[in-house]
Amino acid sequence: SSTYSTVKTVTSSSTGALKTTVTANAD
């Protein structure tokens, strides 16, 4: 596909770091 879809929104940490988990379903 050529289209991105939003999965979730995360808030950056005090250092700007980002981290989350998702379930892998497709390449």
PDB file of all heavy atoms in Angstrom:
ATOM      1  N   SER A   1       0.840  -1.198   0.000  1.00  0.00           N
ATOM      2  CA  SER A   1       0.000   0.000   0.000  1.00  0.00           C
ATOM      3  C   SER A   1       0.878   1.253   0.000  1.00  0.00           C
ATOM      4  O   SER A   1       2.056   1.204   0.378  1.00  0.00           O
ATOM      5  CB  SER A   1      -0.919   0.012   1.235  1.00  0.00           C
ATOM      6  OG  SER A   1      -1.604   1.247   1.336  1.00  0.00           O
ATOM      7  N   SER A   2       0.298   2.366  -0.429  1.00  0.00           N
ATOM      8  CA  SER A   2       1.011   3.653  -0.405  1.00  0.00           C
ATOM      9  C   SER A   2       0.437   4.581   0.664  1.00  0.00           C
ATOM     10  O   SER A   2       0.843   5.736   0.764  1.00  0.00           O
ATOM     11  CB  SER A   2       0.914   4.335  -1.777  1.00  0.00           C
ATOM     12  OG  SER A   2      -0.447   4.569  -2.114  1.00  0.00           O
ATOM     13  N   THR A   3      -0.503   4.067   1.461  1.00  0.00           N
ATOM     14  CA  THR A   3      -1.218   4.896   2.420  1.00  0.00           C
ATOM     15  C   THR A   3      -0.937   4.473   3.859  1.00  0.00           C
ATOM     16  O   THR A   3      -1.048   3.294   4.208  1.00  0.00           O
ATOM     17  CB  THR A   3      -2.729   4.835   2.178  1.00  0.00           C
ATOM     18  OG1 THR A   3      -3.010   5.231   0.834  1.00  0.00           O
ATOM     19  CG2 THR A   3      -3.475   5.751   3.137  1.00  0.00           C
ATOM     20  N   TYR A   4      -0.568   5.470   4.671  1.00  0.00           N
ATOM     21  CA  TYR A   4      -0.377   5.237   6.106  1.00  0.00           C
ATOM     22  C   TYR A   4      -1.685   5.488   6.846  1.00  0.00           C
ATOM     23  O   TYR A   4      -2.451   6.380   6.492  1.00  0.00           O
ATOM     24  CB  TYR A   4       0.682   6.175   6.674  1.00  0.00           C
ATOM     25  CG  TYR A   4       2.106   5.701   6.490  1.00  0.00           C
ATOM     26  CD1 TYR A   4       2.863   6.108   5.387  1.00  0.00           C
ATOM     27  CD2 TYR A   4       2.702   4.865   7.428  1.00  0.00           C
ATOM     28  CE1 TYR A   4       4.176   5.696   5.231  1.00  0.00           C
ATOM     29  CE2 TYR A   4       4.017   4.444   7.289  1.00  0.00           C
ATOM     30  CZ  TYR A   4       4.749   4.858   6.189  1.00  0.00           C
ATOM     31  OH  TYR A   4       6.050   4.438   6.036  1.00  0.00           O
ATOM     32  N   SER A   5      -1.917   4.721   7.898  1.00  0.00           N
ATOM     33  CA  SER A   5      -3.070   4.909   8.775  1.00  0.00           C
ATOM     34  C   SER A   5      -2.588   5.048  10.215  1.00  0.00           C
ATOM     35  O   SER A   5      -1.633   4.375  10.620  1.00  0.00           O
ATOM     36  CB  SER A   5      -4.046   3.733   8.667  1.00  0.00           C
ATOM     37  OG  SER A   5      -4.554   3.597   7.349  1.00  0.00           O
ATOM     38  N   THR A   6      -3.251   5.910  10.971  1.00  0.00           N
ATOM     39  CA  THR A   6      -2.869   6.106  12.372  1.00  0.00           C
ATOM     40  C   THR A   6      -3.370   4.939  13.223  1.00  0.00           C
ATOM     41  O   THR A   6      -4.550   4.573  13.177  1.00  0.00           O
ATOM     42  CB  THR A   6      -3.434   7.426  12.902  1.00  0.00           C
ATOM     43  OG1 THR A   6      -2.876   8.507  12.148  1.00  0.00           O
ATOM     44  CG2 THR A   6      -3.097   7.610  14.376  1.00  0.00           C
ATOM     45  N   VAL A   7      -2.475   4.364  14.002  1.00  0.00           N
ATOM     46  CA  VAL A   7      -2.799   3.228  14.860  1.00  0.00           C
ATOM     47  C   VAL A   7      -3.105   3.701  16.278  1.00  0.00           C
ATOM     48  O   VAL A   7      -4.058   3.267  16.906  1.00  0.00           O
ATOM     49  CB  VAL A   7      -1.641   2.215  14.872  1.00  0.00           C
ATOM     50  CG1 VAL A   7      -1.911   1.077  15.845  1.00  0.00           C
ATOM     51  CG2 VAL A   7      -1.396   1.684  13.464  1.00  0.00           C
ATOM     52  N   LYS A   8      -2.289   4.608  16.783  1.00  0.00           N
ATOM     53  CA  LYS A   8      -2.509   5.172  18.116  1.00  0.00           C
ATOM     54  C   LYS A   8      -1.704   6.460  18.269  1.00  0.00           C
ATOM     55  O   LYS A   8      -0.882   6.792  17.417  1.00  0.00           O
ATOM     56  CB  LYS A   8      -2.116   4.177  19.203  1.00  0.00           C
ATOM     57  CG  LYS A   8      -0.643   3.780  19.207  1.00  0.00           C
ATOM     58  CD  LYS A   8      -0.248   2.959  20.438  1.00  0.00           C
ATOM     59  CE  LYS A   8      -0.906   1.596  20.443  1.00  0.00           C
ATOM     60  NZ  LYS A   8      -0.418   0.751  21.583  1.00  0.00           N
ATOM     61  N   THR A   9      -1.958   7.185  19.362  1.00  0.00           N
ATOM     62  CA  THR A   9      -1.240   8.415  19.671  1.00  0.00           C
ATOM     63  C   THR A   9      -0.519   8.248  21.000  1.00  0.00           C
ATOM     64  O   THR A   9      -1.083   7.756  21.975  1.00  0.00           O
ATOM     65  CB  THR A   9      -2.197   9.618  19.758  1.00  0.00           C
ATOM     66  OG1 THR A   9      -2.845   9.780  18.492  1.00  0.00           O
ATOM     67  CG2 THR A   9      -1.447  10.891  20.093  1.00  0.00           C
ATOM     68  N   VAL A  10       0.751   8.661  21.026  1.00  0.00           N
ATOM     69  CA  VAL A  10       1.605   8.505  22.200  1.00  0.00           C
ATOM     70  C   VAL A  10       2.166   9.866  22.591  1.00  0.00           C
ATOM     71  O   VAL A  10       2.438  10.704  21.726  1.00  0.00           O
ATOM     72  CB  VAL A  10       2.752   7.513  21.906  1.00  0.00           C
ATOM     73  CG1 VAL A  10       3.737   7.438  23.065  1.00  0.00           C
ATOM     74  CG2 VAL A  10       2.187   6.137  21.594  1.00  0.00           C
ATOM     75  N   THR A  11       2.356  10.089  23.887  1.00  0.00           N
ATOM     76  CA  THR A  11       2.943  11.339  24.372  1.00  0.00           C
ATOM     77  C   THR A  11       4.442  11.163  24.601  1.00  0.00           C
ATOM     78  O   THR A  11       4.870  10.190  25.236  1.00  0.00           O
ATOM     79  CB  THR A  11       2.274  11.784  25.686  1.00  0.00           C
ATOM     80  OG1 THR A  11       0.879  11.966  25.453  1.00  0.00           O
ATOM     81  CG2 THR A  11       2.869  13.088  26.188  1.00  0.00           C
ATOM     82  N   SER A  12       5.239  12.086  24.098  1.00  0.00           N
ATOM     83  CA  SER A  12       6.689  12.000  24.255  1.00  0.00           C
ATOM     84  C   SER A  12       7.086  12.188  25.720  1.00  0.00           C
ATOM     85  O   SER A  12       6.448  12.935  26.468  1.00  0.00           O
ATOM     86  CB  SER A  12       7.395  13.037  23.384  1.00  0.00           C
ATOM     87  OG  SER A  12       7.002  14.351  23.735  1.00  0.00           O
ATOM     88  N   SER A  13       8.150  11.514  26.128  1.00  0.00           N
ATOM     89  CA  SER A  13       8.616  11.565  27.514  1.00  0.00           C
ATOM     90  C   SER A  13       9.331  12.876  27.812  1.00  0.00           C
ATOM     91  O   SER A  13       9.445  13.756  26.946  1.00  0.00           O
ATOM     92  CB  SER A  13       9.574  10.396  27.783  1.00  0.00           C
ATOM     93  OG  SER A  13      10.831  10.651  27.159  1.00  0.00           O
ATOM     94  N   SER A  14       9.860  13.006  29.012  1.00  0.00           N
ATOM     95  CA  SER A  14      10.575  14.222  29.406  1.00  0.00           C
ATOM     96  C   SER A  14      11.821  14.463  28.566  1.00  0.00           C
ATOM     97  O   SER A  14      12.342  15.576  28.503  1.00  0.00           O
ATOM     98  CB  SER A  14      10.968  14.147  30.883  1.00  0.00           C
ATOM     99  OG  SER A  14      11.804  13.024  31.118  1.00  0.00           O
ATOM    100  N   THR A  15      12.310  13.414  27.911  1.00  0.00           N
ATOM    101  CA  THR A  15      13.483  13.546  27.040  1.00  0.00           C
ATOM    102  C   THR A  15      13.109  13.515  25.556  1.00  0.00           C
ATOM    103  O   THR A  15      13.992  13.504  24.695  1.00  0.00           O
ATOM    104  CB  THR A  15      14.487  12.421  27.325  1.00  0.00           C
ATOM    105  OG1 THR A  15      13.857  11.149  27.057  1.00  0.00           O
ATOM    106  CG2 THR A  15      14.959  12.460  28.757  1.00  0.00           C
ATOM    107  N   GLY A  16      11.811  13.449  25.274  1.00  0.00           N
ATOM    108  CA  GLY A  16      11.349  13.367  23.895  1.00  0.00           C
ATOM    109  C   GLY A  16      11.244  11.952  23.373  1.00  0.00           C
ATOM    110  O   GLY A  16      10.919  11.744  22.198  1.00  0.00           O
ATOM    111  N   ALA A  17      11.498  10.956  24.229  1.00  0.00           N
ATOM    112  CA  ALA A  17      11.459   9.554  23.797  1.00  0.00           C
ATOM    113  C   ALA A  17      10.027   9.092  23.555  1.00  0.00           C
ATOM    114  O   ALA A  17       9.085   9.557  24.202  1.00  0.00           O
ATOM    115  CB  ALA A  17      12.124   8.664  24.842  1.00  0.00           C
ATOM    116  N   LEU A  18       9.891   8.144  22.616  1.00  0.00           N
ATOM    117  CA  LEU A  18       8.597   7.560  22.268  1.00  0.00           C
ATOM    118  C   LEU A  18       8.701   6.046  22.359  1.00  0.00           C
ATOM    119  O   LEU A  18       9.693   5.449  21.921  1.00  0.00           O
ATOM    120  CB  LEU A  18       8.195   7.963  20.850  1.00  0.00           C
ATOM    121  CG  LEU A  18       8.025   9.460  20.591  1.00  0.00           C
ATOM    122  CD1 LEU A  18       8.052   9.736  19.091  1.00  0.00           C
ATOM    123  CD2 LEU A  18       6.733   9.960  21.189  1.00  0.00           C
ATOM    124  N   LYS A  19       7.654   5.401  22.917  1.00  0.00           N
ATOM    125  CA  LYS A  19       7.662   3.940  22.998  1.00  0.00           C
ATOM    126  C   LYS A  19       6.244   3.431  23.161  1.00  0.00           C
ATOM    127  O   LYS A  19       5.464   3.966  23.934  1.00  0.00           O
ATOM    128  CB  LYS A  19       8.512   3.476  24.185  1.00  0.00           C
ATOM    129  CG  LYS A  19       8.639   1.956  24.280  1.00  0.00           C
ATOM    130  CD  LYS A  19       9.557   1.563  25.429  1.00  0.00           C
ATOM    131  CE  LYS A  19       9.716   0.046  25.520  1.00  0.00           C
ATOM    132  NZ  LYS A  19      10.641  -0.348  26.624  1.00  0.00           N
ATOM    133  N   THR A  20       5.914   2.389  22.395  1.00  0.00           N
ATOM    134  CA  THR A  20       4.626   1.735  22.530  1.00  0.00           C
ATOM    135  C   THR A  20       4.719   0.328  21.953  1.00  0.00           C
ATOM    136  O   THR A  20       5.719  -0.026  21.300  1.00  0.00           O
ATOM    137  CB  THR A  20       3.514   2.529  21.815  1.00  0.00           C
ATOM    138  OG1 THR A  20       2.231   2.011  22.185  1.00  0.00           O
ATOM    139  CG2 THR A  20       3.665   2.454  20.295  1.00  0.00           C
ATOM    140  N   THR A  21       3.690  -0.487  22.192  1.00  0.00           N
ATOM    141  CA  THR A  21       3.652  -1.838  21.642  1.00  0.00           C
ATOM    142  C   THR A  21       2.389  -2.022  20.811  1.00  0.00           C
ATOM    143  O   THR A  21       1.345  -1.417  21.085  1.00  0.00           O
ATOM    144  CB  THR A  21       3.681  -2.901  22.755  1.00  0.00           C
ATOM    145  OG1 THR A  21       2.575  -2.689  23.633  1.00  0.00           O
ATOM    146  CG2 THR A  21       4.987  -2.835  23.517  1.00  0.00           C
ATOM    147  N   VAL A  22       2.505  -2.870  19.806  1.00  0.00           N
ATOM    148  CA  VAL A  22       1.379  -3.214  18.936  1.00  0.00           C
ATOM    149  C   VAL A  22       1.469  -4.695  18.609  1.00  0.00           C
ATOM    150  O   VAL A  22       2.502  -5.340  18.860  1.00  0.00           O
ATOM    151  CB  VAL A  22       1.402  -2.391  17.622  1.00  0.00           C
ATOM    152  CG1 VAL A  22       1.156  -0.914  17.895  1.00  0.00           C
ATOM    153  CG2 VAL A  22       2.726  -2.580  16.891  1.00  0.00           C
ATOM    154  N   THR A  23       0.404  -5.226  18.040  1.00  0.00           N
ATOM    155  CA  THR A  23       0.403  -6.628  17.608  1.00  0.00           C
ATOM    156  C   THR A  23       0.787  -6.696  16.140  1.00  0.00           C
ATOM    157  O   THR A  23       0.222  -5.979  15.298  1.00  0.00           O
ATOM    158  CB  THR A  23      -0.980  -7.263  17.809  1.00  0.00           C
ATOM    159  OG1 THR A  23      -1.318  -7.207  19.187  1.00  0.00           O
ATOM    160  CG2 THR A  23      -0.981  -8.710  17.344  1.00  0.00           C
ATOM    161  N   ALA A  24       1.762  -7.526  15.818  1.00  0.00           N
ATOM    162  CA  ALA A  24       2.219  -7.674  14.432  1.00  0.00           C
ATOM    163  C   ALA A  24       1.251  -8.569  13.657  1.00  0.00           C
ATOM    164  O   ALA A  24       1.072  -9.738  14.003  1.00  0.00           O
ATOM    165  CB  ALA A  24       3.618  -8.270  14.418  1.00  0.00           C
ATOM    166  N   ASN A  25       0.639  -8.011  12.622  1.00  0.00           N
ATOM    167  CA  ASN A  25      -0.318  -8.772  11.819  1.00  0.00           C
ATOM    168  C   ASN A  25       0.066  -8.890  10.350  1.00  0.00           C
ATOM    169  O   ASN A  25      -0.399  -9.810   9.668  1.00  0.00           O
ATOM    170  CB  ASN A  25      -1.706  -8.136  11.913  1.00  0.00           C
ATOM    171  CG  ASN A  25      -2.322  -8.315  13.288  1.00  0.00           C
ATOM    172  OD1 ASN A  25      -2.256  -9.401  13.865  1.00  0.00           O
ATOM    173  ND2 ASN A  25      -2.908  -7.252  13.826  1.00  0.00           N
ATOM    174  N   ALA A  26       0.890  -7.955   9.846  1.00  0.00           N
ATOM    175  CA  ALA A  26       1.212  -7.973   8.416  1.00  0.00           C
ATOM    176  C   ALA A  26       2.532  -7.260   8.168  1.00  0.00           C
ATOM    177  O   ALA A  26       2.965  -6.405   8.956  1.00  0.00           O
ATOM    178  CB  ALA A  26       0.101  -7.291   7.624  1.00  0.00           C
ATOM    179  N   ASP A  27       3.190  -7.647   7.055  1.00  0.00           N
ATOM    180  CA  ASP A  27       4.401  -6.941   6.634  1.00  0.00           C
ATOM    181  C   ASP A  27       4.063  -5.466   6.386  1.00  0.00           C
ATOM    182  O   ASP A  27       2.997  -5.147   5.839  1.00  0.00           O
ATOM    183  CB  ASP A  27       4.944  -7.523   5.329  1.00  0.00           C
ATOM    184  CG  ASP A  27       5.426  -8.969   5.476  1.00  0.00           C
ATOM    185  OD1 ASP A  27       5.520  -9.434   6.628  1.00  0.00           O
ATOM    186  OD2 ASP A  27       5.702  -9.594   4.433  1.00  0.00           O
TER     187      ASP A  27
END
